[in-house]
Amino acid sequence: MKKSVWISVLVGITIVVGMAHGGVQIEAPTVMEDALLSITVSDFHGLVDGLGTAAAQVSPMMNATTIKSLVGMQLGDPMLAGIPAGKGLAVVALDPTTVFGILELAPGQVAAYTNKLGTAGMQCRYGNGVLVAAKTAAAITKGVAASASVRRTLLARRSPTIRIGMKPAAYIAANTEQIQGMLQMMTASMNKGMEAQAKMQGQPAASATEGTVKILEGEMLILLSLLKQVEAMEIVVTAAEGSLQLDEVILPAAGSRVATLVNAPKQNSWHPKVQSGDTGSAAFMIDFLIENTAALSAFISAETEQLISDMALETENVQRISDYMQKCMAVCGGAVSESIFGGTGAGLNMDYVMEVSDEKAALDMLKNMETELKSTGFLDLYAGMGMPMSFEYKEKVRQHKGVDIHQFRTKISMDQMPEMQRQQMEAMNLTDMKYEVAVFDGLMAYSMGDTTMESIIDKIKSTGTSPSPLVARKVFPAGGFYYGDTDIGRYLEFVTQMMPKMPGNPMPFDKIAMTLQGAPPITSAAHVSGGLVQWSTNIPGALLARFGQAALAIQMQQMQQQMKAPAPAPAPARSHP
């Protein structure tokens, strides 16, 4: 068994960490007691009207009227007049086999809906203004019994949204044996698949698969551990003014490690010089804040101990990994910014600025990285997967404005990997990663790719100008612990560089990327308030319109190609005796 599985833990855990305490008011998830899952549209016509404005950005003909007409034709109710204004529906799963729908319906349309649903094998029952539909008699009975509760909880909050609610902790507690069995099956399946892949690559199966499978198993257990600590969560989809927004709200279980982290007091604040705009524009631009480093460190330690117990890992190296992670966390001063895919050339370009609590400790962490990772078994892990790794550190290679610039290099041998995989990794500069690093003014900055360290130092030290804030900071309220901009056009430009040129490619990323150049970004943000965590993503209408233009251009190109294609030769005439 490989001992260094916990190297991947930090990545999994940062999904729920950072945790700011801003003034944003977050609505608690609306969930139904004893329900595994619920999908609610409490204002059906309002939702369709909103979706129509977004759909019209992509295709002007696909508006709210068209959507209602298409859906109404399927249900035998043109324009869906049977669903009163301000009313809606909910689909509830009490368990994987007991699923029913509740539709608020006018009496005059009951026959049409019942007949149409009956052709799909659904059983229906109407009463008190709602139609209950389900596949089985048992589900119908439970649906009728629960209809008042559904209206009182799920349908009471009227909004033109799609709301998906669930109670992960309760479900996991009630189905522990089944979930453990599923995890064992998934692990066995992954192991079998990895062994087959290793055999094709001519590697010894054990050395090529053991470490990878253990990492994947550990990541699944981390996710399961986090879900056990979530009392309720809800995903809310809103369409308004041509844009789409998705909000995910999480209520941690009382007394859980996640709840302790979320409710930890604020210690760190945003740093004015730690903004992704300092390193220029990029496909992915991120500003992130860890407001309580000590609370995060304690959370990671507790999750580490839980994983050791769940996987029955040998504790010696795992403890070394945990200690190393604690050391890394202690260096972080709170604010972090990152820009990814910001260069003009092929390959991975990435720039990073982090506030540090101790400049000397930050530099020592780089100097000693190879020794530290070797002691944890991390280097053995990569070697066992057929990708041996080595590090090279050069101190004070040059200086700019009194700041020492260092070089850090990470090499990963891909000689044992398939040729296509090796070429892709090399094209992304992932087999020989060269960083430039500088630690100054309480910050650590590194650059990889086109951006020079001198330009980052200049921007951070500049007093006359400030970096342009992320668009996300304008779209979402202040007080968040995360803000991010995603430039889809620039990302697809990067994907195009990695994709082989194929004639007649049904998905011409290069043409889509050109159409999306200059479009507003997808924005995201995360907030904490009142013990709740909310993660939000906004897709602007102007970007949806560009996607519509790209789709139309591709269709036109395909039509032109079909018109230019030579007509098939006529079949030879049949001879008759």
Protein backbone atom coordinates (compact mmCIF):
# COMPACT_ATOMS: atom_id res chain seq x y z
CA MET A 1 0.00 0.00 0.00
CA LYS A 2 1.37 3.42 -0.90
CA LYS A 3 1.68 5.66 2.13
CA SER A 4 1.49 9.09 0.53
CA VAL A 5 -2.13 9.28 -0.54
CA TRP A 6 -2.71 12.39 1.56
CA ILE A 7 -0.72 14.64 -0.76
CA SER A 8 -3.97 15.04 -2.73
CA VAL A 9 -6.06 15.89 0.33
CA LEU A 10 -5.44 19.63 0.26
CA VAL A 11 -6.93 19.93 -3.21
CA GLY A 12 -10.10 18.13 -2.19
CA ILE A 13 -10.53 20.06 1.03
CA THR A 14 -10.13 23.54 -0.45
CA ILE A 15 -13.54 23.11 -2.06
CA VAL A 16 -15.08 24.13 1.26
CA VAL A 17 -12.39 26.28 2.85
CA GLY A 18 -11.38 29.91 2.90
CA MET A 19 -14.57 30.99 4.57
CA ALA A 20 -15.14 34.72 4.75
CA HIS A 21 -17.77 36.34 6.95
CA GLY A 22 -19.27 39.06 4.77
CA GLY A 23 -22.55 40.89 5.06
CA VAL A 24 -24.32 38.96 2.30
CA GLN A 25 -27.69 37.54 3.30
CA ILE A 26 -27.88 33.88 2.26
CA GLU A 27 -31.20 32.02 2.21
CA ALA A 28 -31.14 28.65 3.96
CA PRO A 29 -31.76 25.60 1.74
CA THR A 30 -35.39 24.62 1.31
CA VAL A 31 -35.51 20.86 1.79
CA MET A 32 -38.29 18.42 2.58
CA GLU A 33 -38.01 16.20 5.62
CA ASP A 34 -37.25 12.55 4.79
CA ALA A 35 -36.68 13.33 1.10
CA LEU A 36 -33.55 12.14 -0.68
CA LEU A 37 -33.93 14.75 -3.41
CA SER A 38 -36.40 17.40 -4.52
CA ILE A 39 -36.64 19.49 -7.68
CA THR A 40 -38.95 22.49 -7.37
CA VAL A 41 -40.26 25.08 -9.81
CA SER A 42 -42.58 27.15 -7.63
CA ASP A 43 -43.36 29.78 -10.31
CA PHE A 44 -43.47 27.85 -13.56
CA HIS A 45 -44.46 30.65 -15.94
CA GLY A 46 -42.02 33.06 -14.30
CA LEU A 47 -39.21 30.55 -14.80
CA VAL A 48 -40.07 29.92 -18.45
CA ASP A 49 -40.27 33.66 -19.09
CA GLY A 50 -36.78 34.04 -17.62
CA LEU A 51 -35.39 31.04 -19.50
CA GLY A 52 -36.92 32.49 -22.65
CA THR A 53 -34.83 35.65 -22.33
CA ALA A 54 -31.68 33.53 -21.96
CA ALA A 55 -32.58 31.12 -24.77
CA ALA A 56 -33.32 34.05 -27.07
CA GLN A 57 -29.70 35.16 -26.68
CA VAL A 58 -28.61 31.91 -28.30
CA SER A 59 -31.45 31.68 -30.82
CA PRO A 60 -33.92 34.58 -31.24
CA MET A 61 -36.67 32.16 -32.23
CA MET A 62 -36.37 30.22 -28.96
CA ASN A 63 -38.22 32.61 -26.63
CA ALA A 64 -40.67 32.04 -23.76
CA THR A 65 -43.67 31.75 -26.07
CA THR A 66 -41.92 29.10 -28.17
CA ILE A 67 -40.87 27.12 -25.10
CA LYS A 68 -44.40 27.13 -23.66
CA SER A 69 -45.84 26.10 -27.01
CA LEU A 70 -43.41 23.19 -27.44
CA VAL A 71 -43.92 21.90 -23.89
CA GLY A 72 -47.67 22.49 -24.05
CA MET A 73 -47.98 20.43 -27.22
CA GLN A 74 -46.38 17.48 -25.44
CA LEU A 75 -48.82 17.76 -22.52
CA GLY A 76 -51.96 18.49 -24.51
CA ASP A 77 -52.21 21.97 -23.01
CA PRO A 78 -51.30 24.69 -25.55
CA MET A 79 -49.36 27.52 -23.90
CA LEU A 80 -49.64 25.63 -20.59
CA ALA A 81 -52.75 27.54 -19.59
CA GLY A 82 -53.66 24.80 -17.12
CA ILE A 83 -50.86 25.87 -14.78
CA PRO A 84 -52.13 29.03 -13.05
CA ALA A 85 -49.90 32.10 -12.92
CA GLY A 86 -47.61 32.01 -9.91
CA LYS A 87 -48.05 28.27 -9.44
CA GLY A 88 -45.64 25.44 -10.12
CA LEU A 89 -44.53 21.88 -9.54
CA ALA A 90 -42.19 19.72 -7.51
CA VAL A 91 -40.63 16.30 -8.08
CA VAL A 92 -39.72 14.44 -4.88
CA ALA A 93 -37.66 11.28 -4.37
CA LEU A 94 -38.14 9.80 -0.90
CA ASP A 95 -35.68 7.06 -1.89
CA PRO A 96 -34.33 5.76 -5.22
CA THR A 97 -37.55 3.79 -5.89
CA THR A 98 -40.22 6.14 -4.48
CA VAL A 99 -40.52 9.16 -6.76
CA PHE A 100 -43.59 11.31 -7.36
CA GLY A 101 -44.50 14.65 -8.88
CA ILE A 102 -46.83 17.35 -7.55
CA LEU A 103 -48.29 19.75 -10.14
CA GLU A 104 -50.53 22.70 -9.24
CA LEU A 105 -53.17 22.42 -11.96
CA ALA A 106 -56.49 24.04 -12.87
CA PRO A 107 -59.44 21.57 -12.76
CA GLY A 108 -60.30 22.11 -16.43
CA GLN A 109 -56.99 20.63 -17.62
CA VAL A 110 -56.86 17.56 -15.38
CA ALA A 111 -58.19 15.17 -18.03
CA ALA A 112 -55.68 16.33 -20.66
CA TYR A 113 -52.70 15.96 -18.33
CA THR A 114 -53.90 12.66 -16.89
CA ASN A 115 -54.38 11.16 -20.34
CA LYS A 116 -51.00 12.37 -21.58
CA LEU A 117 -49.12 11.17 -18.51
CA GLY A 118 -50.98 7.87 -18.68
CA THR A 119 -49.51 7.17 -22.11
CA ALA A 120 -46.07 7.44 -20.45
CA GLY A 121 -47.01 4.82 -17.86
CA MET A 122 -47.72 7.30 -15.07
CA GLN A 123 -50.53 6.92 -12.54
CA CYS A 124 -52.31 10.13 -11.51
CA ARG A 125 -54.57 11.38 -8.76
CA TYR A 126 -56.07 14.88 -8.46
CA GLY A 127 -57.33 16.73 -5.42
CA ASN A 128 -57.14 20.10 -3.67
CA GLY A 129 -55.76 21.78 -6.77
CA VAL A 130 -52.78 19.46 -7.28
CA LEU A 131 -52.16 16.53 -9.59
CA VAL A 132 -50.00 13.78 -8.10
CA ALA A 133 -48.21 11.56 -10.63
CA ALA A 134 -45.96 8.53 -10.13
CA LYS A 135 -44.95 5.26 -11.74
CA THR A 136 -46.28 2.98 -8.99
CA ALA A 137 -49.35 2.78 -6.79
CA ALA A 138 -47.14 2.85 -3.68
CA ALA A 139 -45.47 6.07 -4.82
CA ILE A 140 -48.86 7.61 -5.64
CA THR A 141 -50.11 6.81 -2.15
CA LYS A 142 -47.06 8.39 -0.53
CA GLY A 143 -47.26 11.36 -2.90
CA VAL A 144 -50.88 12.07 -1.99
CA ALA A 145 -50.03 11.81 1.71
CA ALA A 146 -47.09 14.18 1.28
CA SER A 147 -48.77 16.69 -1.06
CA ALA A 148 -49.75 19.10 1.72
CA SER A 149 -46.20 19.00 3.09
CA VAL A 150 -44.77 19.63 -0.38
CA ARG A 151 -46.96 22.71 -0.83
CA ARG A 152 -46.16 23.94 2.66
CA THR A 153 -42.37 23.61 2.27
CA LEU A 154 -41.13 23.34 -1.31
CA LEU A 155 -43.84 25.37 -3.07
CA ALA A 156 -44.32 28.01 -0.39
CA ARG A 157 -41.27 30.05 -1.44
CA ARG A 158 -42.48 31.42 -4.77
CA SER A 159 -39.68 32.34 -7.16
CA PRO A 160 -39.04 31.94 -10.91
CA THR A 161 -36.25 29.43 -10.29
CA ILE A 162 -35.31 25.77 -10.39
CA ARG A 163 -34.41 24.60 -6.88
CA ILE A 164 -32.70 21.24 -6.29
CA GLY A 165 -32.59 20.31 -2.62
CA MET A 166 -31.03 17.39 -0.77
CA LYS A 167 -29.95 16.25 2.73
CA PRO A 168 -26.60 14.47 2.25
CA ALA A 169 -25.78 13.69 5.90
CA ALA A 170 -29.14 12.06 6.63
CA TYR A 171 -29.06 10.00 3.44
CA ILE A 172 -25.52 8.76 4.05
CA ALA A 173 -26.34 7.84 7.65
CA ALA A 174 -29.37 5.81 6.49
CA ASN A 175 -27.50 4.05 3.67
CA THR A 176 -23.98 3.55 5.06
CA GLU A 177 -23.66 -0.13 4.10
CA GLN A 178 -24.84 0.43 0.52
CA ILE A 179 -22.49 3.39 0.07
CA GLN A 180 -19.50 1.47 1.45
CA GLY A 181 -20.30 -1.40 -0.91
CA MET A 182 -20.51 1.00 -3.84
CA LEU A 183 -17.12 2.52 -2.93
CA GLN A 184 -15.54 -0.94 -2.77
CA MET A 185 -16.96 -1.80 -6.18
CA MET A 186 -15.70 1.48 -7.65
CA THR A 187 -12.23 0.93 -6.19
CA ALA A 188 -12.08 -2.62 -7.55
CA SER A 189 -13.26 -1.42 -10.96
CA MET A 190 -10.65 1.36 -11.03
CA ASN A 191 -7.94 -1.09 -10.03
CA LYS A 192 -8.94 -3.48 -12.80
CA GLY A 193 -9.02 -0.70 -15.37
CA MET A 194 -5.64 0.65 -14.27
CA GLU A 195 -4.08 -2.81 -14.41
CA ALA A 196 -5.37 -3.27 -17.97
CA GLN A 197 -3.97 0.13 -18.94
CA ALA A 198 -0.63 -0.68 -17.32
CA LYS A 199 -0.46 -3.94 -19.22
CA MET A 200 -1.04 -2.11 -22.51
CA GLN A 201 1.79 0.28 -21.59
CA GLY A 202 4.13 -2.58 -20.71
CA GLN A 203 4.37 -1.57 -17.05
CA PRO A 204 4.26 -3.90 -14.04
CA ALA A 205 0.62 -3.74 -12.98
CA ALA A 206 1.25 -3.32 -9.26
CA SER A 207 3.69 -0.44 -9.55
CA ALA A 208 1.60 1.39 -12.12
CA THR A 209 -1.75 1.14 -10.40
CA GLU A 210 -1.39 0.85 -6.63
CA GLY A 211 -0.55 4.48 -5.91
CA THR A 212 -3.04 5.90 -8.39
CA VAL A 213 -5.92 3.78 -7.13
CA LYS A 214 -5.12 4.68 -3.53
CA ILE A 215 -5.16 8.37 -4.39
CA LEU A 216 -8.54 8.04 -6.12
CA GLU A 217 -9.90 6.00 -3.22
CA GLY A 218 -8.68 8.62 -0.78
CA GLU A 219 -10.29 11.43 -2.77
CA MET A 220 -13.64 9.60 -2.77
CA LEU A 221 -13.42 9.11 0.99
CA ILE A 222 -12.60 12.80 1.45
CA LEU A 223 -15.68 13.75 -0.56
CA LEU A 224 -17.80 11.31 1.44
CA SER A 225 -16.44 12.75 4.69
CA LEU A 226 -17.37 16.27 3.60
CA LEU A 227 -20.88 15.24 2.52
CA LYS A 228 -21.43 13.55 5.88
CA GLN A 229 -20.97 17.00 7.39
CA VAL A 230 -23.59 18.71 5.20
CA GLU A 231 -27.04 18.78 6.76
CA ALA A 232 -28.71 20.33 3.72
CA MET A 233 -27.76 21.79 0.37
CA GLU A 234 -29.65 23.44 -2.44
CA ILE A 235 -28.80 24.39 -6.01
CA VAL A 236 -30.81 27.32 -7.37
CA VAL A 237 -30.92 28.16 -11.09
CA THR A 238 -32.18 31.63 -12.02
CA ALA A 239 -32.71 33.09 -15.48
CA ALA A 240 -33.20 36.85 -15.73
CA GLU A 241 -32.49 39.57 -18.27
CA GLY A 242 -30.91 37.12 -20.67
CA SER A 243 -28.38 35.75 -18.17
CA LEU A 244 -28.19 32.53 -16.17
CA GLN A 245 -27.09 32.27 -12.56
CA LEU A 246 -26.45 29.19 -10.44
CA ASP A 247 -26.23 29.42 -6.65
CA GLU A 248 -25.25 26.47 -4.46
CA VAL A 249 -26.03 26.88 -0.76
CA ILE A 250 -24.64 24.56 1.92
CA LEU A 251 -25.80 24.23 5.54
CA PRO A 252 -23.12 22.36 7.55
CA ALA A 253 -24.29 19.88 10.16
CA ALA A 254 -24.21 21.32 13.67
CA GLY A 255 -21.04 20.38 15.55
CA SER A 256 -19.27 19.09 12.43
CA ARG A 257 -15.71 19.98 11.46
CA VAL A 258 -17.04 21.91 8.46
CA ALA A 259 -19.37 23.92 10.73
CA THR A 260 -16.45 24.74 13.02
CA LEU A 261 -14.42 25.96 10.05
CA VAL A 262 -17.28 27.98 8.58
CA ASN A 263 -18.01 29.70 11.88
CA ALA A 264 -14.38 30.39 12.80
CA PRO A 265 -13.69 34.06 13.62
CA LYS A 266 -12.15 36.27 10.97
CA GLN A 267 -8.38 36.84 11.21
CA ASN A 268 -7.09 37.70 7.72
CA SER A 269 -8.28 40.34 5.26
CA TRP A 270 -7.86 41.04 1.56
CA HIS A 271 -4.47 42.43 0.56
CA PRO A 272 -4.72 45.35 -1.93
CA LYS A 273 -1.72 44.07 -3.90
CA VAL A 274 -2.86 40.44 -4.12
CA GLN A 275 -5.17 40.60 -7.11
CA SER A 276 -5.01 38.49 -10.23
CA GLY A 277 -5.03 41.69 -12.28
CA ASP A 278 -1.45 42.23 -11.11
CA THR A 279 -0.25 39.51 -13.49
CA GLY A 280 -2.33 40.59 -16.50
CA SER A 281 -5.35 38.99 -18.16
CA ALA A 282 -5.83 35.23 -18.50
CA ALA A 283 -8.43 32.58 -19.23
CA PHE A 284 -8.88 31.87 -15.51
CA MET A 285 -8.36 34.67 -13.01
CA ILE A 286 -8.90 33.93 -9.32
CA ASP A 287 -8.79 35.91 -6.07
CA PHE A 288 -9.06 33.75 -2.94
CA LEU A 289 -8.92 34.49 0.77
CA ILE A 290 -8.33 32.18 3.73
CA GLU A 291 -9.69 34.30 6.58
CA ASN A 292 -8.63 31.98 9.40
CA THR A 293 -5.46 30.04 8.64
CA ALA A 294 -5.36 28.33 12.04
CA ALA A 295 -8.94 27.06 11.66
CA LEU A 296 -8.15 25.70 8.20
CA SER A 297 -5.00 24.02 9.50
CA ALA A 298 -6.96 22.36 12.32
CA PHE A 299 -9.62 21.25 9.85
CA ILE A 300 -7.03 19.62 7.60
CA SER A 301 -5.46 17.83 10.57
CA ALA A 302 -8.83 16.46 11.66
CA GLU A 303 -9.70 15.29 8.15
CA THR A 304 -6.26 13.68 7.89
CA GLU A 305 -6.89 11.67 11.05
CA GLN A 306 -10.28 10.63 9.70
CA LEU A 307 -8.77 9.41 6.43
CA ILE A 308 -6.05 7.47 8.25
CA SER A 309 -8.78 5.69 10.20
CA ASP A 310 -11.01 5.06 7.15
CA MET A 311 -8.19 3.64 5.00
CA ALA A 312 -6.21 1.97 7.81
CA LEU A 313 -3.09 3.73 6.53
CA GLU A 314 0.33 3.38 8.08
CA THR A 315 0.66 6.50 10.15
CA GLU A 316 4.40 7.27 9.98
CA ASN A 317 4.59 8.76 6.49
CA VAL A 318 1.03 10.06 6.64
CA GLN A 319 1.97 12.05 9.73
CA ARG A 320 4.97 13.45 7.88
CA ILE A 321 2.66 14.52 5.06
CA SER A 322 0.27 16.11 7.53
CA ASP A 323 3.15 17.94 9.21
CA TYR A 324 4.41 19.17 5.84
CA MET A 325 0.96 20.42 4.90
CA GLN A 326 0.69 22.23 8.24
CA LYS A 327 4.04 23.88 7.54
CA CYS A 328 2.82 25.02 4.12
CA MET A 329 -0.42 26.34 5.61
CA ALA A 330 1.47 28.29 8.27
CA VAL A 331 3.33 30.19 5.55
CA CYS A 332 0.09 31.42 3.94
CA GLY A 333 -0.89 34.89 5.10
CA GLY A 334 -4.44 34.72 3.77
CA ALA A 335 -4.85 36.36 0.35
CA VAL A 336 -4.06 34.44 -2.86
CA SER A 337 -4.43 35.33 -6.54
CA GLU A 338 -3.84 33.18 -9.59
CA SER A 339 -3.98 33.61 -13.37
CA ILE A 340 -4.00 30.53 -15.62
CA PHE A 341 -3.62 30.31 -19.42
CA GLY A 342 -2.60 33.93 -19.72
CA GLY A 343 0.22 33.63 -22.24
CA THR A 344 0.27 34.00 -25.99
CA GLY A 345 2.37 30.92 -26.73
CA ALA A 346 1.48 27.25 -26.57
CA GLY A 347 1.63 25.45 -23.27
CA LEU A 348 0.64 26.18 -19.71
CA ASN A 349 1.12 29.75 -18.55
CA MET A 350 0.40 30.38 -14.89
CA ASP A 351 1.09 33.22 -12.47
CA TYR A 352 0.53 33.25 -8.72
CA VAL A 353 0.79 35.77 -5.89
CA MET A 354 0.29 34.82 -2.24
CA GLU A 355 0.48 36.80 0.96
CA VAL A 356 2.97 35.12 3.31
CA SER A 357 3.29 35.31 7.07
CA ASP A 358 7.07 34.72 7.06
CA GLU A 359 9.25 35.51 4.03
CA LYS A 360 12.17 33.37 5.21
CA ALA A 361 9.91 30.37 5.90
CA ALA A 362 8.37 30.74 2.45
CA LEU A 363 11.78 30.69 0.79
CA ASP A 364 12.96 27.77 2.93
CA MET A 365 9.88 25.83 1.85
CA LEU A 366 11.06 26.10 -1.77
CA LYS A 367 14.67 25.28 -0.94
CA ASN A 368 13.74 22.14 0.98
CA MET A 369 10.82 20.96 -1.14
CA GLU A 370 12.58 17.97 -2.70
CA THR A 371 13.87 16.76 0.67
CA GLU A 372 10.48 17.22 2.33
CA LEU A 373 8.52 15.49 -0.43
CA LYS A 374 11.00 12.64 -0.52
CA SER A 375 10.56 12.04 3.21
CA THR A 376 6.77 11.91 2.81
CA GLY A 377 6.95 9.28 0.06
CA PHE A 378 5.43 11.62 -2.53
CA LEU A 379 8.31 11.16 -4.96
CA ASP A 380 8.07 7.37 -4.59
CA LEU A 381 4.37 7.64 -5.40
CA TYR A 382 4.99 9.34 -8.75
CA ALA A 383 7.84 6.98 -9.56
CA GLY A 384 5.53 4.05 -8.86
CA MET A 385 3.01 5.47 -11.33
CA GLY A 386 5.67 5.56 -14.04
CA MET A 387 6.26 9.32 -13.75
CA PRO A 388 9.43 9.90 -11.69
CA MET A 389 9.77 13.50 -10.54
CA SER A 390 12.75 15.67 -9.64
CA PHE A 391 13.27 19.28 -8.52
CA GLU A 392 15.94 21.87 -9.07
CA TYR A 393 16.24 25.15 -7.19
CA LYS A 394 18.54 28.05 -8.12
CA GLU A 395 18.75 30.95 -5.72
CA LYS A 396 19.27 34.61 -6.71
CA VAL A 397 19.69 34.13 -10.46
CA ARG A 398 19.15 37.87 -10.92
CA GLN A 399 17.70 40.93 -9.21
CA HIS A 400 15.08 43.56 -10.11
CA LYS A 401 14.42 46.72 -8.10
CA GLY A 402 16.24 45.22 -5.16
CA VAL A 403 14.20 42.01 -5.26
CA ASP A 404 15.99 38.66 -5.63
CA ILE A 405 14.56 36.42 -8.35
CA HIS A 406 14.97 32.66 -7.98
CA GLN A 407 14.30 29.77 -10.35
CA PHE A 408 12.49 26.55 -9.55
CA ARG A 409 12.23 23.62 -11.92
CA THR A 410 10.10 20.48 -11.77
CA LYS A 411 10.81 17.60 -14.14
CA ILE A 412 8.43 14.69 -14.66
CA SER A 413 9.62 11.85 -16.87
CA MET A 414 6.87 10.52 -19.14
CA ASP A 415 9.02 7.92 -20.91
CA GLN A 416 6.84 5.08 -19.64
CA MET A 417 3.59 6.77 -20.72
CA PRO A 418 1.79 6.28 -24.08
CA GLU A 419 3.17 8.46 -26.87
CA MET A 420 0.03 10.62 -27.26
CA GLN A 421 -0.19 11.28 -23.52
CA ARG A 422 3.51 12.13 -23.41
CA GLN A 423 3.17 14.57 -26.31
CA GLN A 424 0.20 16.31 -24.71
CA MET A 425 2.03 16.70 -21.40
CA GLU A 426 5.08 18.08 -23.19
CA ALA A 427 2.96 20.51 -25.22
CA MET A 428 1.51 21.89 -21.97
CA ASN A 429 4.99 22.28 -20.46
CA LEU A 430 4.06 19.81 -17.72
CA THR A 431 7.11 17.57 -18.12
CA ASP A 432 9.63 20.36 -17.56
CA MET A 433 8.00 23.15 -15.55
CA LYS A 434 10.17 26.21 -15.02
CA TYR A 435 9.10 28.83 -12.51
CA GLU A 436 10.49 32.15 -11.52
CA VAL A 437 9.95 32.99 -7.86
CA ALA A 438 10.32 36.14 -5.79
CA VAL A 439 9.55 36.78 -2.11
CA PHE A 440 9.21 40.45 -1.19
CA ASP A 441 6.98 42.94 0.64
CA GLY A 442 5.26 40.12 2.54
CA LEU A 443 4.32 38.37 -0.70
CA MET A 444 5.45 35.34 -2.68
CA ALA A 445 5.06 35.56 -6.46
CA TYR A 446 5.81 32.97 -9.10
CA SER A 447 5.40 32.93 -12.84
CA MET A 448 5.48 30.15 -15.39
CA GLY A 449 5.34 30.86 -19.09
CA ASP A 450 5.20 34.22 -20.85
CA THR A 451 4.80 36.57 -17.89
CA THR A 452 8.14 37.82 -16.59
CA MET A 453 8.77 38.16 -12.88
CA GLU A 454 10.00 41.70 -13.52
CA SER A 455 6.54 42.71 -14.79
CA ILE A 456 4.86 41.26 -11.69
CA ILE A 457 7.30 43.06 -9.39
CA ASP A 458 6.69 46.33 -11.28
CA LYS A 459 2.91 46.06 -10.94
CA ILE A 460 2.98 45.15 -7.27
CA LYS A 461 5.43 47.92 -6.40
CA SER A 462 3.63 50.51 -8.51
CA THR A 463 1.98 53.25 -6.44
CA GLY A 464 0.33 55.21 -9.24
CA THR A 465 -1.97 52.54 -10.65
CA SER A 466 -3.95 49.63 -9.32
CA PRO A 467 -4.91 46.43 -11.16
CA SER A 468 -8.31 46.22 -12.78
CA PRO A 469 -10.63 44.36 -10.42
CA LEU A 470 -12.19 41.13 -11.58
CA VAL A 471 -15.55 41.43 -13.30
CA ALA A 472 -16.84 39.05 -10.63
CA ARG A 473 -16.28 41.74 -8.00
CA LYS A 474 -18.72 43.96 -9.93
CA VAL A 475 -21.30 41.22 -10.53
CA PHE A 476 -21.39 39.85 -6.97
CA PRO A 477 -21.51 41.59 -3.57
CA ALA A 478 -18.42 42.41 -1.54
CA GLY A 479 -17.49 40.29 1.45
CA GLY A 480 -16.79 37.05 -0.42
CA PHE A 481 -13.84 34.73 0.12
CA TYR A 482 -13.52 33.86 -3.57
CA TYR A 483 -13.97 35.72 -6.87
CA GLY A 484 -13.20 34.35 -10.32
CA ASP A 485 -13.44 35.30 -14.01
CA THR A 486 -13.41 32.65 -16.74
CA ASP A 487 -12.72 33.84 -20.29
CA ILE A 488 -14.14 31.00 -22.39
CA GLY A 489 -12.71 32.39 -25.63
CA ARG A 490 -9.15 32.35 -24.29
CA TYR A 491 -9.63 28.92 -22.77
CA LEU A 492 -10.85 27.47 -26.08
CA GLU A 493 -7.88 29.12 -27.77
CA PHE A 494 -5.65 27.10 -25.45
CA VAL A 495 -7.68 23.93 -26.13
CA THR A 496 -7.25 24.54 -29.87
CA GLN A 497 -3.47 24.51 -29.46
CA MET A 498 -3.69 21.12 -27.74
CA MET A 499 -6.17 19.53 -30.16
CA PRO A 500 -4.91 17.78 -33.29
CA LYS A 501 -6.02 19.30 -36.60
CA MET A 502 -8.74 17.06 -37.96
CA PRO A 503 -10.56 17.78 -41.23
CA GLY A 504 -14.31 17.95 -40.83
CA ASN A 505 -14.03 18.21 -37.04
CA PRO A 506 -17.65 18.52 -35.80
CA MET A 507 -16.46 20.77 -32.96
CA PRO A 508 -14.12 23.40 -34.49
CA PHE A 509 -12.80 24.93 -31.28
CA ASP A 510 -10.67 27.42 -33.19
CA LYS A 511 -13.69 29.02 -34.88
CA ILE A 512 -15.69 29.02 -31.65
CA ALA A 513 -12.74 30.63 -29.85
CA MET A 514 -12.55 33.38 -32.47
CA THR A 515 -16.26 34.13 -32.11
CA LEU A 516 -15.98 34.30 -28.33
CA GLN A 517 -12.97 36.64 -28.28
CA GLY A 518 -13.78 39.74 -26.27
CA ALA A 519 -17.01 38.32 -24.82
CA PRO A 520 -17.68 39.01 -21.14
CA PRO A 521 -16.46 36.27 -18.80
CA ILE A 522 -18.33 33.72 -16.74
CA THR A 523 -18.03 35.04 -13.21
CA SER A 524 -18.16 33.26 -9.86
CA ALA A 525 -17.98 34.11 -6.18
CA ALA A 526 -18.32 32.46 -2.78
CA HIS A 527 -19.65 33.91 0.46
CA VAL A 528 -20.33 32.83 4.03
CA SER A 529 -23.06 34.31 6.21
CA GLY A 530 -25.04 33.07 9.17
CA GLY A 531 -23.30 29.70 9.14
CA LEU A 532 -24.21 29.12 5.47
CA VAL A 533 -21.87 28.86 2.48
CA GLN A 534 -22.95 30.04 -0.97
CA TRP A 535 -21.12 29.48 -4.25
CA SER A 536 -22.45 31.49 -7.22
CA THR A 537 -21.79 31.40 -10.96
CA ASN A 538 -23.15 33.85 -13.55
CA ILE A 539 -23.25 33.30 -17.32
CA PRO A 540 -23.94 36.67 -18.97
CA GLY A 541 -26.43 37.02 -21.79
CA ALA A 542 -23.82 38.59 -24.07
CA LEU A 543 -21.73 35.41 -23.81
CA LEU A 544 -24.77 33.24 -24.59
CA ALA A 545 -25.37 35.41 -27.65
CA ARG A 546 -21.80 34.76 -28.83
CA PHE A 547 -22.39 31.02 -28.44
CA GLY A 548 -25.46 31.44 -30.64
CA GLN A 549 -23.38 33.24 -33.26
CA ALA A 550 -20.77 30.48 -33.15
CA ALA A 551 -23.41 27.76 -33.53
CA LEU A 552 -24.96 29.57 -36.49
CA ALA A 553 -21.56 30.02 -38.16
CA ILE A 554 -20.79 26.31 -37.76
CA GLN A 555 -24.17 25.35 -39.23
CA MET A 556 -23.62 27.65 -42.21
CA GLN A 557 -20.15 26.21 -42.79
CA GLN A 558 -21.48 22.65 -42.68
CA MET A 559 -24.23 23.55 -45.16
CA GLN A 560 -21.67 25.07 -47.54
CA GLN A 561 -19.49 21.96 -47.29
CA GLN A 562 -22.47 19.76 -48.08
CA MET A 563 -23.33 21.90 -51.12
CA LYS A 564 -19.76 21.66 -52.41
CA ALA A 565 -19.55 17.91 -51.89
CA PRO A 566 -19.70 15.97 -55.18
CA ALA A 567 -22.97 14.21 -55.84
CA PRO A 568 -22.83 10.43 -55.45
CA ALA A 569 -22.24 8.54 -58.68
CA PRO A 570 -25.41 7.01 -60.12
CA ALA A 571 -25.81 3.30 -59.63
CA PRO A 572 -24.88 1.26 -62.74
CA ALA A 573 -27.82 0.23 -64.88
CA ARG A 574 -28.91 -3.33 -64.38
CA SER A 575 -28.62 -5.53 -67.45
CA HIS A 576 -31.53 -7.73 -68.42
CA PRO A 577 -31.11 -11.10 -70.03
